[in-house]
Amino acid sequence: SGCSLLPGEVPATDAAPAATSKAPVKDGAKTPESKAPE
């Protein structure tokens, strides 16, 4: 169990981007990849 029993910060992990479906995109619609970061 090692250090997992000690209190402390949980290491941040980079979550893998969710799989997106390749649905057809209508003209003028933005894809999730083209959105500006919030």
PDB file of all heavy atoms in Angstrom:
ATOM      1  N   SER A   1       0.833  -1.205   0.000  1.00  0.00           N
ATOM      2  CA  SER A   1       0.000   0.000   0.000  1.00  0.00           C
ATOM      3  C   SER A   1       0.858   1.241   0.000  1.00  0.00           C
ATOM      4  O   SER A   1       0.454   2.278  -0.497  1.00  0.00           O
ATOM      5  CB  SER A   1      -0.955  -0.005   1.190  1.00  0.00           C
ATOM      6  OG  SER A   1      -0.222   0.040   2.395  1.00  0.00           O
ATOM      7  N   GLY A   2       2.052   1.179   0.543  1.00  0.00           N
ATOM      8  CA  GLY A   2       3.042   2.254   0.477  1.00  0.00           C
ATOM      9  C   GLY A   2       2.500   3.609   0.849  1.00  0.00           C
ATOM     10  O   GLY A   2       1.845   3.789   1.852  1.00  0.00           O
ATOM     11  N   CYS A   3       2.775   4.581   0.020  1.00  0.00           N
ATOM     12  CA  CYS A   3       2.426   5.970   0.292  1.00  0.00           C
ATOM     13  C   CYS A   3       0.954   6.256   0.073  1.00  0.00           C
ATOM     14  O   CYS A   3       0.508   7.357   0.372  1.00  0.00           O
ATOM     15  CB  CYS A   3       3.269   6.902  -0.575  1.00  0.00           C
ATOM     16  SG  CYS A   3       5.017   6.784  -0.199  1.00  0.00           S
ATOM     17  N   SER A   4       0.207   5.303  -0.442  1.00  0.00           N
ATOM     18  CA  SER A   4      -1.201   5.583  -0.690  1.00  0.00           C
ATOM     19  C   SER A   4      -1.967   5.793   0.599  1.00  0.00           C
ATOM     20  O   SER A   4      -3.053   6.351   0.591  1.00  0.00           O
ATOM     21  CB  SER A   4      -1.836   4.457  -1.500  1.00  0.00           C
ATOM     22  OG  SER A   4      -1.859   3.267  -0.739  1.00  0.00           O
ATOM     23  N   LEU A   5      -1.424   5.363   1.729  1.00  0.00           N
ATOM     24  CA  LEU A   5      -2.090   5.567   3.007  1.00  0.00           C
ATOM     25  C   LEU A   5      -1.818   6.944   3.583  1.00  0.00           C
ATOM     26  O   LEU A   5      -2.511   7.391   4.475  1.00  0.00           O
ATOM     27  CB  LEU A   5      -1.638   4.509   4.009  1.00  0.00           C
ATOM     28  CG  LEU A   5      -2.020   3.065   3.671  1.00  0.00           C
ATOM     29  CD1 LEU A   5      -1.442   2.124   4.697  1.00  0.00           C
ATOM     30  CD2 LEU A   5      -3.514   2.913   3.598  1.00  0.00           C
ATOM     31  N   LEU A   6      -0.791   7.620   3.084  1.00  0.00           N
ATOM     32  CA  LEU A   6      -0.436   8.925   3.609  1.00  0.00           C
ATOM     33  C   LEU A   6      -1.308  10.000   2.985  1.00  0.00           C
ATOM     34  O   LEU A   6      -1.602   9.960   1.799  1.00  0.00           O
ATOM     35  CB  LEU A   6       1.041   9.226   3.320  1.00  0.00           C
ATOM     36  CG  LEU A   6       2.037   8.251   3.933  1.00  0.00           C
ATOM     37  CD1 LEU A   6       3.446   8.591   3.476  1.00  0.00           C
ATOM     38  CD2 LEU A   6       1.960   8.287   5.437  1.00  0.00           C
ATOM     39  N   PRO A   7      -1.733  11.013   3.796  1.00  0.00           N
ATOM     40  CA  PRO A   7      -2.532  12.089   3.213  1.00  0.00           C
ATOM     41  C   PRO A   7      -1.671  12.955   2.319  1.00  0.00           C
ATOM     42  O   PRO A   7      -0.472  13.082   2.518  1.00  0.00           O
ATOM     43  CB  PRO A   7      -3.019  12.872   4.437  1.00  0.00           C
ATOM     44  CG  PRO A   7      -2.011  12.593   5.487  1.00  0.00           C
ATOM     45  CD  PRO A   7      -1.499  11.200   5.212  1.00  0.00           C
ATOM     46  N   GLY A   8      -2.255  13.552   1.372  1.00  0.00           N
ATOM     47  CA  GLY A   8      -1.501  14.437   0.483  1.00  0.00           C
ATOM     48  C   GLY A   8      -2.293  14.719  -0.772  1.00  0.00           C
ATOM     49  O   GLY A   8      -3.447  14.351  -0.917  1.00  0.00           O
ATOM     50  N   GLU A   9      -1.634  15.354  -1.676  1.00  0.00           N
ATOM     51  CA  GLU A   9      -2.297  15.721  -2.913  1.00  0.00           C
ATOM     52  C   GLU A   9      -2.398  14.519  -3.834  1.00  0.00           C
ATOM     53  O   GLU A   9      -1.515  13.680  -3.888  1.00  0.00           O
ATOM     54  CB  GLU A   9      -1.515  16.827  -3.619  1.00  0.00           C
ATOM     55  CG  GLU A   9      -1.498  18.122  -2.860  1.00  0.00           C
ATOM     56  CD  GLU A   9      -0.781  19.210  -3.628  1.00  0.00           C
ATOM     57  OE1 GLU A   9      -0.552  19.057  -4.834  1.00  0.00           O
ATOM     58  OE2 GLU A   9      -0.462  20.218  -3.004  1.00  0.00           O
ATOM     59  N   VAL A  10      -3.479  14.463  -4.551  1.00  0.00           N
ATOM     60  CA  VAL A  10      -3.668  13.435  -5.554  1.00  0.00           C
ATOM     61  C   VAL A  10      -3.008  13.943  -6.826  1.00  0.00           C
ATOM     62  O   VAL A  10      -3.265  15.064  -7.250  1.00  0.00           O
ATOM     63  CB  VAL A  10      -5.175  13.178  -5.801  1.00  0.00           C
ATOM     64  CG1 VAL A  10      -5.378  12.164  -6.893  1.00  0.00           C
ATOM     65  CG2 VAL A  10      -5.838  12.741  -4.520  1.00  0.00           C
ATOM     66  N   PRO A  11      -2.122  13.148  -7.437  1.00  0.00           N
ATOM     67  CA  PRO A  11      -1.458  13.638  -8.642  1.00  0.00           C
ATOM     68  C   PRO A  11      -2.466  13.873  -9.754  1.00  0.00           C
ATOM     69  O   PRO A  11      -3.387  13.090  -9.952  1.00  0.00           O
ATOM     70  CB  PRO A  11      -0.475  12.527  -9.002  1.00  0.00           C
ATOM     71  CG  PRO A  11      -0.963  11.324  -8.290  1.00  0.00           C
ATOM     72  CD  PRO A  11      -1.738  11.806  -7.087  1.00  0.00           C
ATOM     73  N   ALA A  12      -2.280  14.966 -10.443  1.00  0.00           N
ATOM     74  CA  ALA A  12      -3.166  15.302 -11.549  1.00  0.00           C
ATOM     75  C   ALA A  12      -2.827  14.427 -12.738  1.00  0.00           C
ATOM     76  O   ALA A  12      -1.668  14.220 -13.062  1.00  0.00           O
ATOM     77  CB  ALA A  12      -3.012  16.767 -11.911  1.00  0.00           C
ATOM     78  N   THR A  13      -3.845  13.895 -13.370  1.00  0.00           N
ATOM     79  CA  THR A  13      -3.621  13.069 -14.563  1.00  0.00           C
ATOM     80  C   THR A  13      -4.311  13.748 -15.720  1.00  0.00           C
ATOM     81  O   THR A  13      -5.355  14.376 -15.574  1.00  0.00           O
ATOM     82  CB  THR A  13      -4.196  11.655 -14.373  1.00  0.00           C
ATOM     83  OG1 THR A  13      -5.582  11.759 -14.092  1.00  0.00           O
ATOM     84  CG2 THR A  13      -3.504  10.914 -13.252  1.00  0.00           C
ATOM     85  N   ASP A  14      -3.713  13.625 -16.858  1.00  0.00           N
ATOM     86  CA  ASP A  14      -4.321  14.186 -18.055  1.00  0.00           C
ATOM     87  C   ASP A  14      -5.349  13.188 -18.554  1.00  0.00           C
ATOM     88  O   ASP A  14      -5.014  12.055 -18.905  1.00  0.00           O
ATOM     89  CB  ASP A  14      -3.269  14.428 -19.146  1.00  0.00           C
ATOM     90  CG  ASP A  14      -2.295  15.520 -18.744  1.00  0.00           C
ATOM     91  OD1 ASP A  14      -2.693  16.396 -17.945  1.00  0.00           O
ATOM     92  OD2 ASP A  14      -1.149  15.499 -19.230  1.00  0.00           O
ATOM     93  N   ALA A  15      -6.583  13.606 -18.578  1.00  0.00           N
ATOM     94  CA  ALA A  15      -7.642  12.726 -19.051  1.00  0.00           C
ATOM     95  C   ALA A  15      -7.589  12.667 -20.573  1.00  0.00           C
ATOM     96  O   ALA A  15      -7.395  13.674 -21.246  1.00  0.00           O
ATOM     97  CB  ALA A  15      -9.006  13.244 -18.596  1.00  0.00           C
ATOM     98  N   ALA A  16      -7.767  11.480 -21.083  1.00  0.00           N
ATOM     99  CA  ALA A  16      -7.770  11.318 -22.533  1.00  0.00           C
ATOM    100  C   ALA A  16      -9.058  11.925 -23.072  1.00  0.00           C
ATOM    101  O   ALA A  16     -10.111  11.806 -22.461  1.00  0.00           O
ATOM    102  CB  ALA A  16      -7.682   9.841 -22.891  1.00  0.00           C
ATOM    103  N   PRO A  17      -8.987  12.612 -24.198  1.00  0.00           N
ATOM    104  CA  PRO A  17     -10.204  13.204 -24.747  1.00  0.00           C
ATOM    105  C   PRO A  17     -11.207  12.113 -25.086  1.00  0.00           C
ATOM    106  O   PRO A  17     -10.847  11.033 -25.542  1.00  0.00           O
ATOM    107  CB  PRO A  17      -9.729  13.948 -25.993  1.00  0.00           C
ATOM    108  CG  PRO A  17      -8.388  13.410 -26.306  1.00  0.00           C
ATOM    109  CD  PRO A  17      -7.828  12.865 -25.033  1.00  0.00           C
ATOM    110  N   ALA A  18     -12.454  12.419 -24.845  1.00  0.00           N
ATOM    111  CA  ALA A  18     -13.502  11.451 -25.121  1.00  0.00           C
ATOM    112  C   ALA A  18     -13.594  11.215 -26.619  1.00  0.00           C
ATOM    113  O   ALA A  18     -13.405  12.122 -27.422  1.00  0.00           O
ATOM    114  CB  ALA A  18     -14.837  11.967 -24.575  1.00  0.00           C
ATOM    115  N   ALA A  19     -13.903   9.999 -26.966  1.00  0.00           N
ATOM    116  CA  ALA A  19     -14.043   9.663 -28.386  1.00  0.00           C
ATOM    117  C   ALA A  19     -15.272  10.364 -28.933  1.00  0.00           C
ATOM    118  O   ALA A  19     -16.325  10.377 -28.313  1.00  0.00           O
ATOM    119  CB  ALA A  19     -14.161   8.148 -28.543  1.00  0.00           C
ATOM    120  N   THR A  20     -15.104  10.967 -30.064  1.00  0.00           N
ATOM    121  CA  THR A  20     -16.224  11.677 -30.679  1.00  0.00           C
ATOM    122  C   THR A  20     -16.687  10.887 -31.885  1.00  0.00           C
ATOM    123  O   THR A  20     -15.893  10.263 -32.591  1.00  0.00           O
ATOM    124  CB  THR A  20     -15.818  13.094 -31.109  1.00  0.00           C
ATOM    125  OG1 THR A  20     -14.721  13.005 -31.994  1.00  0.00           O
ATOM    126  CG2 THR A  20     -15.447  13.944 -29.909  1.00  0.00           C
ATOM    127  N   SER A  21     -17.952  10.947 -32.104  1.00  0.00           N
ATOM    128  CA  SER A  21     -18.477  10.239 -33.267  1.00  0.00           C
ATOM    129  C   SER A  21     -18.268  11.111 -34.504  1.00  0.00           C
ATOM    130  O   SER A  21     -18.261  12.330 -34.425  1.00  0.00           O
ATOM    131  CB  SER A  21     -19.959   9.910 -33.069  1.00  0.00           C
ATOM    132  OG  SER A  21     -20.692  11.110 -32.974  1.00  0.00           O
ATOM    133  N   LYS A  22     -18.138  10.497 -35.628  1.00  0.00           N
ATOM    134  CA  LYS A  22     -17.919  11.204 -36.893  1.00  0.00           C
ATOM    135  C   LYS A  22     -19.261  11.419 -37.580  1.00  0.00           C
ATOM    136  O   LYS A  22     -19.527  10.914 -38.660  1.00  0.00           O
ATOM    137  CB  LYS A  22     -16.973  10.400 -37.792  1.00  0.00           C
ATOM    138  CG  LYS A  22     -15.590  10.216 -37.225  1.00  0.00           C
ATOM    139  CD  LYS A  22     -14.855  11.527 -37.223  1.00  0.00           C
ATOM    140  CE  LYS A  22     -13.459  11.350 -36.678  1.00  0.00           C
ATOM    141  NZ  LYS A  22     -12.702  12.534 -36.606  1.00  0.00           N
ATOM    142  N   ALA A  23     -20.122  12.170 -36.935  1.00  0.00           N
ATOM    143  CA  ALA A  23     -21.431  12.468 -37.517  1.00  0.00           C
ATOM    144  C   ALA A  23     -21.258  13.551 -38.574  1.00  0.00           C
ATOM    145  O   ALA A  23     -20.369  14.391 -38.473  1.00  0.00           O
ATOM    146  CB  ALA A  23     -22.397  12.931 -36.431  1.00  0.00           C
ATOM    147  N   PRO A  24     -22.111  13.553 -39.573  1.00  0.00           N
ATOM    148  CA  PRO A  24     -21.993  14.586 -40.598  1.00  0.00           C
ATOM    149  C   PRO A  24     -22.236  15.966 -39.992  1.00  0.00           C
ATOM    150  O   PRO A  24     -23.059  16.141 -39.105  1.00  0.00           O
ATOM    151  CB  PRO A  24     -23.073  14.225 -41.613  1.00  0.00           C
ATOM    152  CG  PRO A  24     -23.930  13.179 -40.985  1.00  0.00           C
ATOM    153  CD  PRO A  24     -23.184  12.617 -39.832  1.00  0.00           C
ATOM    154  N   VAL A  25     -21.468  16.947 -40.467  1.00  0.00           N
ATOM    155  CA  VAL A  25     -21.557  18.306 -39.962  1.00  0.00           C
ATOM    156  C   VAL A  25     -22.288  19.156 -40.984  1.00  0.00           C
ATOM    157  O   VAL A  25     -21.960  19.147 -42.167  1.00  0.00           O
ATOM    158  CB  VAL A  25     -20.140  18.875 -39.709  1.00  0.00           C
ATOM    159  CG1 VAL A  25     -20.231  20.303 -39.221  1.00  0.00           C
ATOM    160  CG2 VAL A  25     -19.395  17.995 -38.752  1.00  0.00           C
ATOM    161  N   LYS A  26     -23.301  19.908 -40.507  1.00  0.00           N
ATOM    162  CA  LYS A  26     -24.045  20.787 -41.396  1.00  0.00           C
ATOM    163  C   LYS A  26     -23.202  22.001 -41.723  1.00  0.00           C
ATOM    164  O   LYS A  26     -22.307  22.373 -40.969  1.00  0.00           O
ATOM    165  CB  LYS A  26     -25.339  21.224 -40.722  1.00  0.00           C
ATOM    166  CG  LYS A  26     -26.307  20.087 -40.495  1.00  0.00           C
ATOM    167  CD  LYS A  26     -27.576  20.596 -39.868  1.00  0.00           C
ATOM    168  CE  LYS A  26     -28.541  19.459 -39.625  1.00  0.00           C
ATOM    169  NZ  LYS A  26     -29.776  19.919 -39.011  1.00  0.00           N
ATOM    170  N   ASP A  27     -23.490  22.619 -42.826  1.00  0.00           N
ATOM    171  CA  ASP A  27     -22.751  23.812 -43.223  1.00  0.00           C
ATOM    172  C   ASP A  27     -22.880  24.884 -42.155  1.00  0.00           C
ATOM    173  O   ASP A  27     -23.967  25.149 -41.660  1.00  0.00           O
ATOM    174  CB  ASP A  27     -23.281  24.351 -44.550  1.00  0.00           C
ATOM    175  CG  ASP A  27     -22.984  23.429 -45.707  1.00  0.00           C
ATOM    176  OD1 ASP A  27     -21.990  22.676 -45.617  1.00  0.00           O
ATOM    177  OD2 ASP A  27     -23.729  23.468 -46.692  1.00  0.00           O
ATOM    178  N   GLY A  28     -21.788  25.517 -41.800  1.00  0.00           N
ATOM    179  CA  GLY A  28     -21.771  26.603 -40.831  1.00  0.00           C
ATOM    180  C   GLY A  28     -21.659  26.128 -39.391  1.00  0.00           C
ATOM    181  O   GLY A  28     -21.468  26.928 -38.497  1.00  0.00           O
ATOM    182  N   ALA A  29     -21.816  24.853 -39.147  1.00  0.00           N
ATOM    183  CA  ALA A  29     -21.722  24.356 -37.765  1.00  0.00           C
ATOM    184  C   ALA A  29     -20.251  24.139 -37.415  1.00  0.00           C
ATOM    185  O   ALA A  29     -19.457  23.717 -38.243  1.00  0.00           O
ATOM    186  CB  ALA A  29     -22.501  23.053 -37.625  1.00  0.00           C
ATOM    187  N   LYS A  30     -19.928  24.433 -36.170  1.00  0.00           N
ATOM    188  CA  LYS A  30     -18.543  24.253 -35.719  1.00  0.00           C
ATOM    189  C   LYS A  30     -18.380  22.860 -35.145  1.00  0.00           C
ATOM    190  O   LYS A  30     -19.264  22.341 -34.480  1.00  0.00           O
ATOM    191  CB  LYS A  30     -18.183  25.283 -34.642  1.00  0.00           C
ATOM    192  CG  LYS A  30     -18.107  26.692 -35.166  1.00  0.00           C
ATOM    193  CD  LYS A  30     -17.630  27.613 -34.073  1.00  0.00           C
ATOM    194  CE  LYS A  30     -17.478  29.025 -34.593  1.00  0.00           C
ATOM    195  NZ  LYS A  30     -16.969  29.922 -33.564  1.00  0.00           N
ATOM    196  N   THR A  31     -17.236  22.284 -35.401  1.00  0.00           N
ATOM    197  CA  THR A  31     -16.924  21.005 -34.795  1.00  0.00           C
ATOM    198  C   THR A  31     -16.322  21.260 -33.422  1.00  0.00           C
ATOM    199  O   THR A  31     -15.818  22.347 -33.157  1.00  0.00           O
ATOM    200  CB  THR A  31     -15.917  20.215 -35.667  1.00  0.00           C
ATOM    201  OG1 THR A  31     -14.722  20.975 -35.736  1.00  0.00           O
ATOM    202  CG2 THR A  31     -16.472  19.953 -37.055  1.00  0.00           C
ATOM    203  N   PRO A  32     -16.337  20.266 -32.520  1.00  0.00           N
ATOM    204  CA  PRO A  32     -15.777  20.474 -31.187  1.00  0.00           C
ATOM    205  C   PRO A  32     -14.316  20.895 -31.221  1.00  0.00           C
ATOM    206  O   PRO A  32     -13.862  21.639 -30.379  1.00  0.00           O
ATOM    207  CB  PRO A  32     -15.934  19.113 -30.502  1.00  0.00           C
ATOM    208  CG  PRO A  32     -17.029  18.420 -31.246  1.00  0.00           C
ATOM    209  CD  PRO A  32     -16.974  18.969 -32.640  1.00  0.00           C
ATOM    210  N   GLU A  33     -13.574  20.442 -32.221  1.00  0.00           N
ATOM    211  CA  GLU A  33     -12.157  20.787 -32.290  1.00  0.00           C
ATOM    212  C   GLU A  33     -11.943  22.257 -32.641  1.00  0.00           C
ATOM    213  O   GLU A  33     -10.908  22.836 -32.356  1.00  0.00           O
ATOM    214  CB  GLU A  33     -11.423  19.909 -33.316  1.00  0.00           C
ATOM    215  CG  GLU A  33     -11.336  18.446 -32.940  1.00  0.00           C
ATOM    216  CD  GLU A  33     -12.609  17.685 -33.310  1.00  0.00           C
ATOM    217  OE1 GLU A  33     -13.380  18.146 -34.165  1.00  0.00           O
ATOM    218  OE2 GLU A  33     -12.829  16.615 -32.725  1.00  0.00           O
ATOM    219  N   SER A  34     -12.911  22.881 -33.303  1.00  0.00           N
ATOM    220  CA  SER A  34     -12.718  24.249 -33.761  1.00  0.00           C
ATOM    221  C   SER A  34     -13.185  25.293 -32.738  1.00  0.00           C
ATOM    222  O   SER A  34     -13.069  26.474 -32.994  1.00  0.00           O
ATOM    223  CB  SER A  34     -13.428  24.466 -35.094  1.00  0.00           C
ATOM    224  OG  SER A  34     -14.826  24.299 -34.913  1.00  0.00           O
ATOM    225  N   LYS A  35     -13.716  24.859 -31.594  1.00  0.00           N
ATOM    226  CA  LYS A  35     -14.157  25.810 -30.572  1.00  0.00           C
ATOM    227  C   LYS A  35     -12.952  26.451 -29.912  1.00  0.00           C
ATOM    228  O   LYS A  35     -11.926  25.813 -29.703  1.00  0.00           O
ATOM    229  CB  LYS A  35     -14.974  25.106 -29.487  1.00  0.00           C
ATOM    230  CG  LYS A  35     -16.360  24.729 -29.910  1.00  0.00           C
ATOM    231  CD  LYS A  35     -17.104  24.142 -28.731  1.00  0.00           C
ATOM    232  CE  LYS A  35     -18.492  23.715 -29.120  1.00  0.00           C
ATOM    233  NZ  LYS A  35     -19.185  23.099 -27.977  1.00  0.00           N
ATOM    234  N   ALA A  36     -13.110  27.715 -29.564  1.00  0.00           N
ATOM    235  CA  ALA A  36     -12.048  28.407 -28.830  1.00  0.00           C
ATOM    236  C   ALA A  36     -12.049  27.892 -27.392  1.00  0.00           C
ATOM    237  O   ALA A  36     -13.103  27.600 -26.835  1.00  0.00           O
ATOM    238  CB  ALA A  36     -12.298  29.917 -28.850  1.00  0.00           C
ATOM    239  N   PRO A  37     -10.876  27.771 -26.782  1.00  0.00           N
ATOM    240  CA  PRO A  37     -10.835  27.297 -25.396  1.00  0.00           C
ATOM    241  C   PRO A  37     -11.546  28.291 -24.475  1.00  0.00           C
ATOM    242  O   PRO A  37     -11.420  29.502 -24.640  1.00  0.00           O
ATOM    243  CB  PRO A  37      -9.344  27.207 -25.070  1.00  0.00           C
ATOM    244  CG  PRO A  37      -8.666  28.037 -26.098  1.00  0.00           C
ATOM    245  CD  PRO A  37      -9.561  28.078 -27.294  1.00  0.00           C
ATOM    246  N   GLU A  38     -12.288  27.741 -23.535  1.00  0.00           N
ATOM    247  CA  GLU A  38     -13.022  28.595 -22.607  1.00  0.00           C
ATOM    248  C   GLU A  38     -12.057  29.189 -21.587  1.00  0.00           C
ATOM    249  O   GLU A  38     -11.137  28.516 -21.128  1.00  0.00           O
ATOM    250  CB  GLU A  38     -14.087  27.777 -21.880  1.00  0.00           C
ATOM    251  CG  GLU A  38     -15.177  27.271 -22.793  1.00  0.00           C
ATOM    252  CD  GLU A  38     -16.222  26.489 -22.024  1.00  0.00           C
ATOM    253  OE1 GLU A  38     -16.368  26.704 -20.811  1.00  0.00           O
ATOM    254  OE2 GLU A  38     -16.888  25.658 -22.653  1.00  0.00           O
TER     255      GLU A  38
END
